[in-house]
């Protein structure tokens, strides 16, 4: 089972992530679940997860990068972590903290004309 952990407090972005996950993974008929976390106090949901995780974390949510650090500190170096942020400067901070982030995606894009998303992978 693949578990997508989405740590985002803005409903518009969460819905977009869910749609993308469903579009790409749903067609493959792989078993997957999306775990939705809107704020730090909901991180206890992670204790019940079995299987593999892929983290999609908003750096704007309080403790977003702290969640990435917690994942690594508990010894999980295999789970991909994707940070989505409006603060491109956090990329350097995360690399300095040796969090082994898979990629950074900027929220600075125009959804109306489908412009490209800046991805620093």
PDB file of N, CA and C in Angstrom:
ATOM      1  N   UNK A   1       0.847  -1.180   0.000  1.00  0.00           N
ATOM      2  CA  UNK A   1       0.000   0.000   0.000  1.00  0.00           C
ATOM      3  C   UNK A   1       0.889   1.239   0.000  1.00  0.00           C
ATOM      4  N   UNK A   2       0.554   2.179  -0.858  1.00  0.00           N
ATOM      5  CA  UNK A   2       1.248   3.462  -0.903  1.00  0.00           C
ATOM      6  C   UNK A   2       0.378   4.480  -0.166  1.00  0.00           C
ATOM      7  N   UNK A   3       0.983   5.208   0.749  1.00  0.00           N
ATOM      8  CA  UNK A   3       0.286   6.246   1.505  1.00  0.00           C
ATOM      9  C   UNK A   3       0.834   7.603   1.112  1.00  0.00           C
ATOM     10  N   UNK A   4      -0.020   8.457   0.607  1.00  0.00           N
ATOM     11  CA  UNK A   4       0.355   9.839   0.313  1.00  0.00           C
ATOM     12  C   UNK A   4      -0.040  10.670   1.521  1.00  0.00           C
ATOM     13  N   UNK A   5       0.944  11.255   2.182  1.00  0.00           N
ATOM     14  CA  UNK A   5       0.684  12.105   3.330  1.00  0.00           C
ATOM     15  C   UNK A   5       0.716  13.538   2.826  1.00  0.00           C
ATOM     16  N   UNK A   6      -0.442  14.194   2.843  1.00  0.00           N
ATOM     17  CA  UNK A   6      -0.566  15.564   2.355  1.00  0.00           C
ATOM     18  C   UNK A   6      -0.720  16.483   3.561  1.00  0.00           C
ATOM     19  N   UNK A   7       0.306  17.312   3.795  1.00  0.00           N
ATOM     20  CA  UNK A   7       0.326  18.236   4.925  1.00  0.00           C
ATOM     21  C   UNK A   7       0.159  19.649   4.369  1.00  0.00           C
ATOM     22  N   UNK A   8      -1.073  20.088   4.281  1.00  0.00           N
ATOM     23  CA  UNK A   8      -1.425  21.373   3.653  1.00  0.00           C
ATOM     24  C   UNK A   8      -2.666  21.916   4.348  1.00  0.00           C
ATOM     25  N   UNK A   9      -2.641  23.198   4.702  1.00  0.00           N
ATOM     26  CA  UNK A   9      -3.794  23.778   5.375  1.00  0.00           C
ATOM     27  C   UNK A   9      -4.760  24.495   4.438  1.00  0.00           C
ATOM     28  N   UNK A  10      -4.374  24.742   3.208  1.00  0.00           N
ATOM     29  CA  UNK A  10      -5.257  25.434   2.270  1.00  0.00           C
ATOM     30  C   UNK A  10      -6.030  24.418   1.429  1.00  0.00           C
ATOM     31  N   UNK A  11      -7.352  24.492   1.533  1.00  0.00           N
ATOM     32  CA  UNK A  11      -8.218  23.518   0.868  1.00  0.00           C
ATOM     33  C   UNK A  11      -8.017  23.495  -0.646  1.00  0.00           C
ATOM     34  N   UNK A  12      -7.835  24.644  -1.256  1.00  0.00           N
ATOM     35  CA  UNK A  12      -7.665  24.719  -2.709  1.00  0.00           C
ATOM     36  C   UNK A  12      -6.467  23.881  -3.156  1.00  0.00           C
ATOM     37  N   UNK A  13      -5.358  24.022  -2.444  1.00  0.00           N
ATOM     38  CA  UNK A  13      -4.165  23.259  -2.796  1.00  0.00           C
ATOM     39  C   UNK A  13      -4.344  21.778  -2.491  1.00  0.00           C
ATOM     40  N   UNK A  14      -4.945  21.454  -1.327  1.00  0.00           N
ATOM     41  CA  UNK A  14      -5.179  20.040  -0.996  1.00  0.00           C
ATOM     42  C   UNK A  14      -5.992  19.360  -2.082  1.00  0.00           C
ATOM     43  N   UNK A  15      -7.078  20.010  -2.512  1.00  0.00           N
ATOM     44  CA  UNK A  15      -7.921  19.441  -3.559  1.00  0.00           C
ATOM     45  C   UNK A  15      -7.133  19.204  -4.844  1.00  0.00           C
ATOM     46  N   UNK A  16      -6.253  20.126  -5.175  1.00  0.00           N
ATOM     47  CA  UNK A  16      -5.421  19.984  -6.374  1.00  0.00           C
ATOM     48  C   UNK A  16      -4.489  18.779  -6.247  1.00  0.00           C
ATOM     49  N   UNK A  17      -3.850  18.623  -5.084  1.00  0.00           N
ATOM     50  CA  UNK A  17      -2.953  17.491  -4.880  1.00  0.00           C
ATOM     51  C   UNK A  17      -3.718  16.177  -4.967  1.00  0.00           C
ATOM     52  N   UNK A  18      -4.908  16.125  -4.350  1.00  0.00           N
ATOM     53  CA  UNK A  18      -5.725  14.908  -4.387  1.00  0.00           C
ATOM     54  C   UNK A  18      -6.086  14.553  -5.828  1.00  0.00           C
ATOM     55  N   UNK A  19      -6.436  15.564  -6.603  1.00  0.00           N
ATOM     56  CA  UNK A  19      -6.805  15.356  -7.997  1.00  0.00           C
ATOM     57  C   UNK A  19      -5.627  14.798  -8.806  1.00  0.00           C
ATOM     58  N   UNK A  20      -4.447  15.338  -8.581  1.00  0.00           N
ATOM     59  CA  UNK A  20      -3.261  14.872  -9.302  1.00  0.00           C
ATOM     60  C   UNK A  20      -2.924  13.434  -8.911  1.00  0.00           C
ATOM     61  N   UNK A  21      -2.968  13.144  -7.617  1.00  0.00           N
ATOM     62  CA  UNK A  21      -2.684  11.779  -7.151  1.00  0.00           C
ATOM     63  C   UNK A  21      -3.663  10.805  -7.780  1.00  0.00           C
ATOM     64  N   UNK A  22      -4.940  11.129  -7.733  1.00  0.00           N
ATOM     65  CA  UNK A  22      -5.963  10.246  -8.287  1.00  0.00           C
ATOM     66  C   UNK A  22      -5.790  10.063  -9.787  1.00  0.00           C
ATOM     67  N   UNK A  23      -5.439  11.138 -10.469  1.00  0.00           N
ATOM     68  CA  UNK A  23      -5.276  11.080 -11.921  1.00  0.00           C
ATOM     69  C   UNK A  23      -4.159  10.120 -12.315  1.00  0.00           C
ATOM     70  N   UNK A  24      -3.049  10.154 -11.607  1.00  0.00           N
ATOM     71  CA  UNK A  24      -1.901   9.349 -11.995  1.00  0.00           C
ATOM     72  C   UNK A  24      -1.861   7.978 -11.335  1.00  0.00           C
ATOM     73  N   UNK A  25      -2.223   7.885 -10.088  1.00  0.00           N
ATOM     74  CA  UNK A  25      -2.134   6.608  -9.385  1.00  0.00           C
ATOM     75  C   UNK A  25      -3.421   5.808  -9.561  1.00  0.00           C
ATOM     76  N   UNK A  26      -4.553   6.470  -9.575  1.00  0.00           N
ATOM     77  CA  UNK A  26      -5.833   5.783  -9.690  1.00  0.00           C
ATOM     78  C   UNK A  26      -5.948   4.949 -10.948  1.00  0.00           C
ATOM     79  N   UNK A  27      -5.381   5.404 -12.030  1.00  0.00           N
ATOM     80  CA  UNK A  27      -5.437   4.664 -13.294  1.00  0.00           C
ATOM     81  C   UNK A  27      -4.605   3.392 -13.252  1.00  0.00           C
ATOM     82  N   UNK A  28      -3.591   3.372 -12.418  1.00  0.00           N
ATOM     83  CA  UNK A  28      -2.709   2.200 -12.369  1.00  0.00           C
ATOM     84  C   UNK A  28      -3.274   1.080 -11.504  1.00  0.00           C
ATOM     85  N   UNK A  29      -4.356   1.370 -10.812  1.00  0.00           N
ATOM     86  CA  UNK A  29      -5.032   0.389  -9.943  1.00  0.00           C
ATOM     87  C   UNK A  29      -4.154  -0.104  -8.804  1.00  0.00           C
ATOM     88  N   UNK A  30      -3.155   0.695  -8.416  1.00  0.00           N
ATOM     89  CA  UNK A  30      -2.358   0.378  -7.250  1.00  0.00           C
ATOM     90  C   UNK A  30      -3.162   0.709  -5.996  1.00  0.00           C
ATOM     91  N   UNK A  31      -2.928  -0.035  -4.947  1.00  0.00           N
ATOM     92  CA  UNK A  31      -3.593   0.262  -3.678  1.00  0.00           C
ATOM     93  C   UNK A  31      -2.919   1.486  -3.065  1.00  0.00           C
ATOM     94  N   UNK A  32      -3.705   2.519  -2.807  1.00  0.00           N
ATOM     95  CA  UNK A  32      -3.147   3.718  -2.190  1.00  0.00           C
ATOM     96  C   UNK A  32      -4.188   4.384  -1.311  1.00  0.00           C
ATOM     97  N   UNK A  33      -3.666   5.196  -0.414  1.00  0.00           N
ATOM     98  CA  UNK A  33      -4.522   5.977   0.475  1.00  0.00           C
ATOM     99  C   UNK A  33      -3.908   7.357   0.615  1.00  0.00           C
ATOM    100  N   UNK A  34      -4.758   8.360   0.773  1.00  0.00           N
ATOM    101  CA  UNK A  34      -4.286   9.718   1.008  1.00  0.00           C
ATOM    102  C   UNK A  34      -4.606  10.071   2.449  1.00  0.00           C
ATOM    103  N   UNK A  35      -3.572  10.426   3.206  1.00  0.00           N
ATOM    104  CA  UNK A  35      -3.743  10.848   4.590  1.00  0.00           C
ATOM    105  C   UNK A  35      -3.644  12.357   4.602  1.00  0.00           C
ATOM    106  N   UNK A  36      -4.700  12.997   5.017  1.00  0.00           N
ATOM    107  CA  UNK A  36      -4.804  14.455   4.986  1.00  0.00           C
ATOM    108  C   UNK A  36      -4.488  15.012   6.371  1.00  0.00           C
ATOM    109  N   UNK A  37      -3.505  15.907   6.431  1.00  0.00           N
ATOM    110  CA  UNK A  37      -3.154  16.578   7.673  1.00  0.00           C
ATOM    111  C   UNK A  37      -3.213  18.083   7.408  1.00  0.00           C
ATOM    112  N   UNK A  38      -4.026  18.773   8.187  1.00  0.00           N
ATOM    113  CA  UNK A  38      -4.219  20.210   7.983  1.00  0.00           C
ATOM    114  C   UNK A  38      -3.431  21.059   8.972  1.00  0.00           C
ATOM    115  N   UNK A  39      -3.058  20.474  10.123  1.00  0.00           N
ATOM    116  CA  UNK A  39      -2.326  21.225  11.141  1.00  0.00           C
ATOM    117  C   UNK A  39      -1.493  20.264  11.985  1.00  0.00           C
ATOM    118  N   UNK A  40      -0.538  20.846  12.715  1.00  0.00           N
ATOM    119  CA  UNK A  40       0.443  20.048  13.456  1.00  0.00           C
ATOM    120  C   UNK A  40      -0.192  19.062  14.430  1.00  0.00           C
ATOM    121  N   UNK A  41      -1.297  19.421  15.052  1.00  0.00           N
ATOM    122  CA  UNK A  41      -1.882  18.528  16.061  1.00  0.00           C
ATOM    123  C   UNK A  41      -2.468  17.250  15.450  1.00  0.00           C
ATOM    124  N   UNK A  42      -2.596  17.189  14.126  1.00  0.00           N
ATOM    125  CA  UNK A  42      -3.111  16.003  13.455  1.00  0.00           C
ATOM    126  C   UNK A  42      -2.007  15.017  13.058  1.00  0.00           C
ATOM    127  N   UNK A  43      -0.748  15.323  13.398  1.00  0.00           N
ATOM    128  CA  UNK A  43       0.362  14.451  13.001  1.00  0.00           C
ATOM    129  C   UNK A  43       0.286  13.068  13.639  1.00  0.00           C
ATOM    130  N   UNK A  44      -0.552  12.892  14.644  1.00  0.00           N
ATOM    131  CA  UNK A  44      -0.697  11.569  15.274  1.00  0.00           C
ATOM    132  C   UNK A  44      -1.260  10.546  14.287  1.00  0.00           C
ATOM    133  N   UNK A  45      -1.897  11.008  13.206  1.00  0.00           N
ATOM    134  CA  UNK A  45      -2.401  10.100  12.167  1.00  0.00           C
ATOM    135  C   UNK A  45      -1.279   9.265  11.560  1.00  0.00           C
ATOM    136  N   UNK A  46      -0.057   9.768  11.618  1.00  0.00           N
ATOM    137  CA  UNK A  46       1.077   9.083  11.007  1.00  0.00           C
ATOM    138  C   UNK A  46       1.452   7.806  11.747  1.00  0.00           C
ATOM    139  N   UNK A  47       1.094   7.707  13.007  1.00  0.00           N
ATOM    140  CA  UNK A  47       1.454   6.542  13.818  1.00  0.00           C
ATOM    141  C   UNK A  47       0.732   5.279  13.361  1.00  0.00           C
ATOM    142  N   UNK A  48      -0.390   5.426  12.674  1.00  0.00           N
ATOM    143  CA  UNK A  48      -1.207   4.278  12.276  1.00  0.00           C
ATOM    144  C   UNK A  48      -0.943   3.809  10.850  1.00  0.00           C
ATOM    145  N   UNK A  49      -0.027   4.448  10.160  1.00  0.00           N
ATOM    146  CA  UNK A  49       0.223   4.134   8.754  1.00  0.00           C
ATOM    147  C   UNK A  49       1.025   2.846   8.619  1.00  0.00           C
ATOM    148  N   UNK A  50       0.595   1.997   7.701  1.00  0.00           N
ATOM    149  CA  UNK A  50       1.379   0.822   7.334  1.00  0.00           C
ATOM    150  C   UNK A  50       1.626   0.885   5.834  1.00  0.00           C
ATOM    151  N   UNK A  51       2.788   0.452   5.419  1.00  0.00           N
ATOM    152  CA  UNK A  51       3.139   0.499   4.009  1.00  0.00           C
ATOM    153  C   UNK A  51       4.178   1.569   3.752  1.00  0.00           C
ATOM    154  N   UNK A  52       4.247   2.028   2.533  1.00  0.00           N
ATOM    155  CA  UNK A  52       5.212   3.054   2.122  1.00  0.00           C
ATOM    156  C   UNK A  52       4.542   4.416   2.089  1.00  0.00           C
ATOM    157  N   UNK A  53       5.334   5.444   2.373  1.00  0.00           N
ATOM    158  CA  UNK A  53       4.797   6.796   2.360  1.00  0.00           C
ATOM    159  C   UNK A  53       5.489   7.662   1.315  1.00  0.00           C
ATOM    160  N   UNK A  54       4.711   8.593   0.788  1.00  0.00           N
ATOM    161  CA  UNK A  54       5.217   9.696  -0.025  1.00  0.00           C
ATOM    162  C   UNK A  54       4.641  10.943   0.620  1.00  0.00           C
ATOM    163  N   UNK A  55       5.517  11.866   1.018  1.00  0.00           N
ATOM    164  CA  UNK A  55       5.076  13.066   1.725  1.00  0.00           C
ATOM    165  C   UNK A  55       5.004  14.249   0.775  1.00  0.00           C
ATOM    166  N   UNK A  56       3.895  14.963   0.838  1.00  0.00           N
ATOM    167  CA  UNK A  56       3.715  16.223   0.120  1.00  0.00           C
ATOM    168  C   UNK A  56       3.445  17.251   1.212  1.00  0.00           C
ATOM    169  N   UNK A  57       4.431  18.111   1.464  1.00  0.00           N
ATOM    170  CA  UNK A  57       4.402  18.990   2.621  1.00  0.00           C
ATOM    171  C   UNK A  57       4.429  20.443   2.187  1.00  0.00           C
ATOM    172  N   UNK A  58       3.504  21.226   2.720  1.00  0.00           N
ATOM    173  CA  UNK A  58       3.541  22.665   2.526  1.00  0.00           C
ATOM    174  C   UNK A  58       4.429  23.265   3.601  1.00  0.00           C
ATOM    175  N   UNK A  59       5.416  24.033   3.191  1.00  0.00           N
ATOM    176  CA  UNK A  59       6.316  24.669   4.155  1.00  0.00           C
ATOM    177  C   UNK A  59       5.609  25.796   4.900  1.00  0.00           C
ATOM    178  N   UNK A  60       4.487  26.273   4.380  1.00  0.00           N
ATOM    179  CA  UNK A  60       3.762  27.357   5.031  1.00  0.00           C
ATOM    180  C   UNK A  60       2.974  26.890   6.252  1.00  0.00           C
ATOM    181  N   UNK A  61       2.649  25.604   6.309  1.00  0.00           N
ATOM    182  CA  UNK A  61       1.934  25.073   7.463  1.00  0.00           C
ATOM    183  C   UNK A  61       2.911  25.049   8.625  1.00  0.00           C
ATOM    184  N   UNK A  62       2.445  25.469   9.790  1.00  0.00           N
ATOM    185  CA  UNK A  62       3.295  25.482  10.969  1.00  0.00           C
ATOM    186  C   UNK A  62       3.941  24.119  11.163  1.00  0.00           C
ATOM    187  N   UNK A  63       5.237  24.079  11.158  1.00  0.00           N
ATOM    188  CA  UNK A  63       5.956  22.830  11.365  1.00  0.00           C
ATOM    189  C   UNK A  63       6.101  21.970  10.127  1.00  0.00           C
ATOM    190  N   UNK A  64       5.898  22.533   8.958  1.00  0.00           N
ATOM    191  CA  UNK A  64       6.009  21.754   7.725  1.00  0.00           C
ATOM    192  C   UNK A  64       7.365  21.088   7.572  1.00  0.00           C
ATOM    193  N   UNK A  65       8.425  21.868   7.699  1.00  0.00           N
ATOM    194  CA  UNK A  65       9.765  21.285   7.600  1.00  0.00           C
ATOM    195  C   UNK A  65      10.105  20.472   8.839  1.00  0.00           C
ATOM    196  N   UNK A  66       9.456  20.779   9.961  1.00  0.00           N
ATOM    197  CA  UNK A  66       9.651  19.953  11.161  1.00  0.00           C
ATOM    198  C   UNK A  66       9.142  18.538  10.923  1.00  0.00           C
ATOM    199  N   UNK A  67       8.043  18.416  10.180  1.00  0.00           N
ATOM    200  CA  UNK A  67       7.527  17.084   9.856  1.00  0.00           C
ATOM    201  C   UNK A  67       8.561  16.315   9.034  1.00  0.00           C
ATOM    202  N   UNK A  68       9.177  16.988   8.073  1.00  0.00           N
ATOM    203  CA  UNK A  68      10.217  16.343   7.265  1.00  0.00           C
ATOM    204  C   UNK A  68      11.362  15.882   8.166  1.00  0.00           C
ATOM    205  N   UNK A  69      11.752  16.720   9.104  1.00  0.00           N
ATOM    206  CA  UNK A  69      12.828  16.363  10.031  1.00  0.00           C
ATOM    207  C   UNK A  69      12.426  15.168  10.890  1.00  0.00           C
ATOM    208  N   UNK A  70      11.172  15.129  11.370  1.00  0.00           N
ATOM    209  CA  UNK A  70      10.689  14.013  12.185  1.00  0.00           C
ATOM    210  C   UNK A  70      10.727  12.696  11.404  1.00  0.00           C
ATOM    211  N   UNK A  71      10.349  12.757  10.139  1.00  0.00           N
ATOM    212  CA  UNK A  71      10.376  11.555   9.297  1.00  0.00           C
ATOM    213  C   UNK A  71      11.791  11.007   9.231  1.00  0.00           C
ATOM    214  N   UNK A  72      12.753  11.881   8.993  1.00  0.00           N
ATOM    215  CA  UNK A  72      14.143  11.448   8.878  1.00  0.00           C
ATOM    216  C   UNK A  72      14.710  11.001  10.227  1.00  0.00           C
ATOM    217  N   UNK A  73      14.347  11.690  11.307  1.00  0.00           N
ATOM    218  CA  UNK A  73      14.874  11.332  12.628  1.00  0.00           C
ATOM    219  C   UNK A  73      14.376   9.977  13.099  1.00  0.00           C
ATOM    220  N   UNK A  74      13.199   9.573  12.649  1.00  0.00           N
ATOM    221  CA  UNK A  74      12.726   8.242  13.058  1.00  0.00           C
ATOM    222  C   UNK A  74      13.332   7.137  12.181  1.00  0.00           C
ATOM    223  N   UNK A  75      14.245   7.524  11.303  1.00  0.00           N
ATOM    224  CA  UNK A  75      15.007   6.560  10.526  1.00  0.00           C
ATOM    225  C   UNK A  75      14.463   6.256   9.146  1.00  0.00           C
ATOM    226  N   UNK A  76      13.440   6.968   8.718  1.00  0.00           N
ATOM    227  CA  UNK A  76      12.865   6.729   7.396  1.00  0.00           C
ATOM    228  C   UNK A  76      13.587   7.599   6.361  1.00  0.00           C
ATOM    229  N   UNK A  77      14.577   7.006   5.707  1.00  0.00           N
ATOM    230  CA  UNK A  77      15.338   7.713   4.676  1.00  0.00           C
ATOM    231  C   UNK A  77      14.885   7.307   3.282  1.00  0.00           C
ATOM    232  N   UNK A  78      13.898   6.417   3.197  1.00  0.00           N
ATOM    233  CA  UNK A  78      13.413   5.942   1.902  1.00  0.00           C
ATOM    234  C   UNK A  78      12.211   6.727   1.385  1.00  0.00           C
ATOM    235  N   UNK A  79      11.418   7.293   2.280  1.00  0.00           N
ATOM    236  CA  UNK A  79      10.188   7.983   1.864  1.00  0.00           C
ATOM    237  C   UNK A  79      10.521   9.274   1.121  1.00  0.00           C
ATOM    238  N   UNK A  80       9.997   9.418  -0.095  1.00  0.00           N
ATOM    239  CA  UNK A  80      10.186  10.683  -0.806  1.00  0.00           C
ATOM    240  C   UNK A  80       9.427  11.810  -0.097  1.00  0.00           C
ATOM    241  N   UNK A  81      10.059  12.972  -0.005  1.00  0.00           N
ATOM    242  CA  UNK A  81       9.427  14.156   0.573  1.00  0.00           C
ATOM    243  C   UNK A  81       9.465  15.248  -0.480  1.00  0.00           C
ATOM    244  N   UNK A  82       8.294  15.774  -0.796  1.00  0.00           N
ATOM    245  CA  UNK A  82       8.170  16.881  -1.749  1.00  0.00           C
ATOM    246  C   UNK A  82       7.669  18.079  -0.962  1.00  0.00           C
ATOM    247  N   UNK A  83       8.408  19.177  -1.004  1.00  0.00           N
ATOM    248  CA  UNK A  83       8.026  20.393  -0.293  1.00  0.00           C
ATOM    249  C   UNK A  83       7.432  21.361  -1.303  1.00  0.00           C
ATOM    250  N   UNK A  84       6.256  21.870  -0.972  1.00  0.00           N
ATOM    251  CA  UNK A  84       5.590  22.851  -1.820  1.00  0.00           C
ATOM    252  C   UNK A  84       5.522  24.145  -1.024  1.00  0.00           C
ATOM    253  N   UNK A  85       6.004  25.226  -1.624  1.00  0.00           N
ATOM    254  CA  UNK A  85       6.176  26.452  -0.848  1.00  0.00           C
ATOM    255  C   UNK A  85       6.119  27.697  -1.721  1.00  0.00           C
ATOM    256  N   UNK A  86       5.865  28.819  -1.070  1.00  0.00           N
ATOM    257  CA  UNK A  86       6.007  30.119  -1.726  1.00  0.00           C
ATOM    258  C   UNK A  86       7.352  30.740  -1.357  1.00  0.00           C
ATOM    259  N   UNK A  87       8.086  30.065  -0.488  1.00  0.00           N
ATOM    260  CA  UNK A  87       9.374  30.572  -0.003  1.00  0.00           C
ATOM    261  C   UNK A  87      10.505  29.755  -0.616  1.00  0.00           C
ATOM    262  N   UNK A  88      10.948  30.157  -1.788  1.00  0.00           N
ATOM    263  CA  UNK A  88      11.994  29.413  -2.492  1.00  0.00           C
ATOM    264  C   UNK A  88      13.297  29.341  -1.698  1.00  0.00           C
ATOM    265  N   UNK A  89      13.516  30.304  -0.793  1.00  0.00           N
ATOM    266  CA  UNK A  89      14.743  30.300   0.005  1.00  0.00           C
ATOM    267  C   UNK A  89      14.791  29.143   1.004  1.00  0.00           C
ATOM    268  N   UNK A  90      13.663  28.499   1.287  1.00  0.00           N
ATOM    269  CA  UNK A  90      13.648  27.364   2.202  1.00  0.00           C
ATOM    270  C   UNK A  90      14.365  26.151   1.613  1.00  0.00           C
ATOM    271  N   UNK A  91      14.521  26.131   0.308  1.00  0.00           N
ATOM    272  CA  UNK A  91      15.228  25.034  -0.345  1.00  0.00           C
ATOM    273  C   UNK A  91      16.637  24.899   0.237  1.00  0.00           C
ATOM    274  N   UNK A  92      17.348  26.016   0.338  1.00  0.00           N
ATOM    275  CA  UNK A  92      18.707  25.983   0.884  1.00  0.00           C
ATOM    276  C   UNK A  92      18.710  25.534   2.338  1.00  0.00           C
ATOM    277  N   UNK A  93      17.738  26.011   3.115  1.00  0.00           N
ATOM    278  CA  UNK A  93      17.640  25.617   4.520  1.00  0.00           C
ATOM    279  C   UNK A  93      17.453  24.102   4.649  1.00  0.00           C
ATOM    280  N   UNK A  94      16.557  23.547   3.854  1.00  0.00           N
ATOM    281  CA  UNK A  94      16.278  22.111   3.935  1.00  0.00           C
ATOM    282  C   UNK A  94      17.507  21.298   3.544  1.00  0.00           C
ATOM    283  N   UNK A  95      18.233  21.752   2.525  1.00  0.00           N
ATOM    284  CA  UNK A  95      19.441  21.032   2.134  1.00  0.00           C
ATOM    285  C   UNK A  95      20.504  21.114   3.234  1.00  0.00           C
ATOM    286  N   UNK A  96      20.605  22.271   3.884  1.00  0.00           N
ATOM    287  CA  UNK A  96      21.568  22.426   4.970  1.00  0.00           C
ATOM    288  C   UNK A  96      21.217  21.520   6.145  1.00  0.00           C
ATOM    289  N   UNK A  97      19.946  21.270   6.357  1.00  0.00           N
ATOM    290  CA  UNK A  97      19.500  20.415   7.455  1.00  0.00           C
ATOM    291  C   UNK A  97      19.615  18.932   7.101  1.00  0.00           C
ATOM    292  N   UNK A  98      20.042  18.640   5.886  1.00  0.00           N
ATOM    293  CA  UNK A  98      20.231  17.276   5.400  1.00  0.00           C
ATOM    294  C   UNK A  98      18.959  16.445   5.539  1.00  0.00           C
ATOM    295  N   UNK A  99      17.855  16.998   5.037  1.00  0.00           N
ATOM    296  CA  UNK A  99      16.562  16.329   5.119  1.00  0.00           C
ATOM    297  C   UNK A  99      16.285  15.430   3.926  1.00  0.00           C
ATOM    298  N   UNK A 100      17.188  15.418   2.956  1.00  0.00           N
ATOM    299  CA  UNK A 100      17.054  14.580   1.764  1.00  0.00           C
ATOM    300  C   UNK A 100      15.678  14.771   1.119  1.00  0.00           C
ATOM    301  N   UNK A 101      15.398  15.997   0.718  1.00  0.00           N
ATOM    302  CA  UNK A 101      14.140  16.357   0.079  1.00  0.00           C
ATOM    303  C   UNK A 101      14.211  15.946  -1.389  1.00  0.00           C
ATOM    304  N   UNK A 102      13.169  15.274  -1.879  1.00  0.00           N
ATOM    305  CA  UNK A 102      13.130  14.850  -3.277  1.00  0.00           C
ATOM    306  C   UNK A 102      13.046  16.057  -4.203  1.00  0.00           C
ATOM    307  N   UNK A 103      12.226  17.051  -3.855  1.00  0.00           N
ATOM    308  CA  UNK A 103      12.095  18.220  -4.703  1.00  0.00           C
ATOM    309  C   UNK A 103      11.297  19.321  -4.044  1.00  0.00           C
ATOM    310  N   UNK A 104      11.431  20.512  -4.593  1.00  0.00           N
ATOM    311  CA  UNK A 104      10.672  21.670  -4.151  1.00  0.00           C
ATOM    312  C   UNK A 104       9.815  22.139  -5.306  1.00  0.00           C
ATOM    313  N   UNK A 105       8.570  22.425  -5.026  1.00  0.00           N
ATOM    314  CA  UNK A 105       7.669  22.950  -6.040  1.00  0.00           C
ATOM    315  C   UNK A 105       7.167  24.294  -5.545  1.00  0.00           C
ATOM    316  N   UNK A 106       7.283  25.307  -6.369  1.00  0.00           N
ATOM    317  CA  UNK A 106       6.851  26.643  -5.998  1.00  0.00           C
ATOM    318  C   UNK A 106       5.350  26.804  -6.212  1.00  0.00           C
ATOM    319  N   UNK A 107       4.696  27.465  -5.265  1.00  0.00           N
ATOM    320  CA  UNK A 107       3.272  27.780  -5.416  1.00  0.00           C
ATOM    321  C   UNK A 107       3.066  29.008  -6.303  1.00  0.00           C
ATOM    322  N   UNK A 108       4.161  29.622  -6.740  1.00  0.00           N
ATOM    323  CA  UNK A 108       4.061  30.808  -7.590  1.00  0.00           C
ATOM    324  C   UNK A 108       3.869  30.406  -9.042  1.00  0.00           C
ATOM    325  N   UNK A 109       2.652  30.114  -9.408  1.00  0.00           N
ATOM    326  CA  UNK A 109       2.351  29.828 -10.801  1.00  0.00           C
ATOM    327  C   UNK A 109       0.926  30.267 -11.056  1.00  0.00           C
ATOM    328  N   UNK A 110       0.636  30.507 -12.310  1.00  0.00           N
ATOM    329  CA  UNK A 110      -0.675  31.008 -12.690  1.00  0.00           C
ATOM    330  C   UNK A 110      -1.561  29.822 -13.055  1.00  0.00           C
ATOM    331  N   UNK A 111      -2.498  29.485 -12.169  1.00  0.00           N
ATOM    332  CA  UNK A 111      -3.375  28.343 -12.419  1.00  0.00           C
ATOM    333  C   UNK A 111      -4.355  28.618 -13.559  1.00  0.00           C
ATOM    334  N   UNK A 112      -4.621  29.869 -13.863  1.00  0.00           N
ATOM    335  CA  UNK A 112      -5.609  30.196 -14.885  1.00  0.00           C
ATOM    336  C   UNK A 112      -5.129  29.898 -16.299  1.00  0.00           C
ATOM    337  N   UNK A 113      -3.825  30.080 -16.543  1.00  0.00           N
ATOM    338  CA  UNK A 113      -3.346  29.810 -17.904  1.00  0.00           C
ATOM    339  C   UNK A 113      -2.430  28.594 -17.951  1.00  0.00           C
ATOM    340  N   UNK A 114      -2.477  27.787 -16.889  1.00  0.00           N
ATOM    341  CA  UNK A 114      -1.723  26.522 -16.822  1.00  0.00           C
ATOM    342  C   UNK A 114      -0.222  26.714 -17.057  1.00  0.00           C
ATOM    343  N   UNK A 115       0.360  27.815 -16.562  1.00  0.00           N
ATOM    344  CA  UNK A 115       1.792  27.992 -16.705  1.00  0.00           C
ATOM    345  C   UNK A 115       2.516  26.929 -15.917  1.00  0.00           C
ATOM    346  N   UNK A 116       3.753  26.723 -16.298  1.00  0.00           N
ATOM    347  CA  UNK A 116       4.568  25.699 -15.668  1.00  0.00           C
ATOM    348  C   UNK A 116       4.812  26.000 -14.199  1.00  0.00           C
ATOM    349  N   UNK A 117       4.940  24.955 -13.442  1.00  0.00           N
ATOM    350  CA  UNK A 117       5.298  25.056 -12.037  1.00  0.00           C
ATOM    351  C   UNK A 117       6.804  24.980 -11.955  1.00  0.00           C
ATOM    352  N   UNK A 118       7.398  25.854 -11.145  1.00  0.00           N
ATOM    353  CA  UNK A 118       8.845  25.793 -10.948  1.00  0.00           C
ATOM    354  C   UNK A 118       9.144  24.631 -10.023  1.00  0.00           C
ATOM    355  N   UNK A 119       9.916  23.693 -10.498  1.00  0.00           N
ATOM    356  CA  UNK A 119      10.286  22.543  -9.669  1.00  0.00           C
ATOM    357  C   UNK A 119      11.788  22.489  -9.552  1.00  0.00           C
ATOM    358  N   UNK A 120      12.272  22.518  -8.324  1.00  0.00           N
ATOM    359  CA  UNK A 120      13.704  22.429  -8.071  1.00  0.00           C
ATOM    360  C   UNK A 120      13.998  21.030  -7.582  1.00  0.00           C
ATOM    361  N   UNK A 121      14.244  20.130  -8.505  1.00  0.00           N
ATOM    362  CA  UNK A 121      14.456  18.737  -8.126  1.00  0.00           C
ATOM    363  C   UNK A 121      15.913  18.359  -8.273  1.00  0.00           C
TER     364      UNK A 121
END
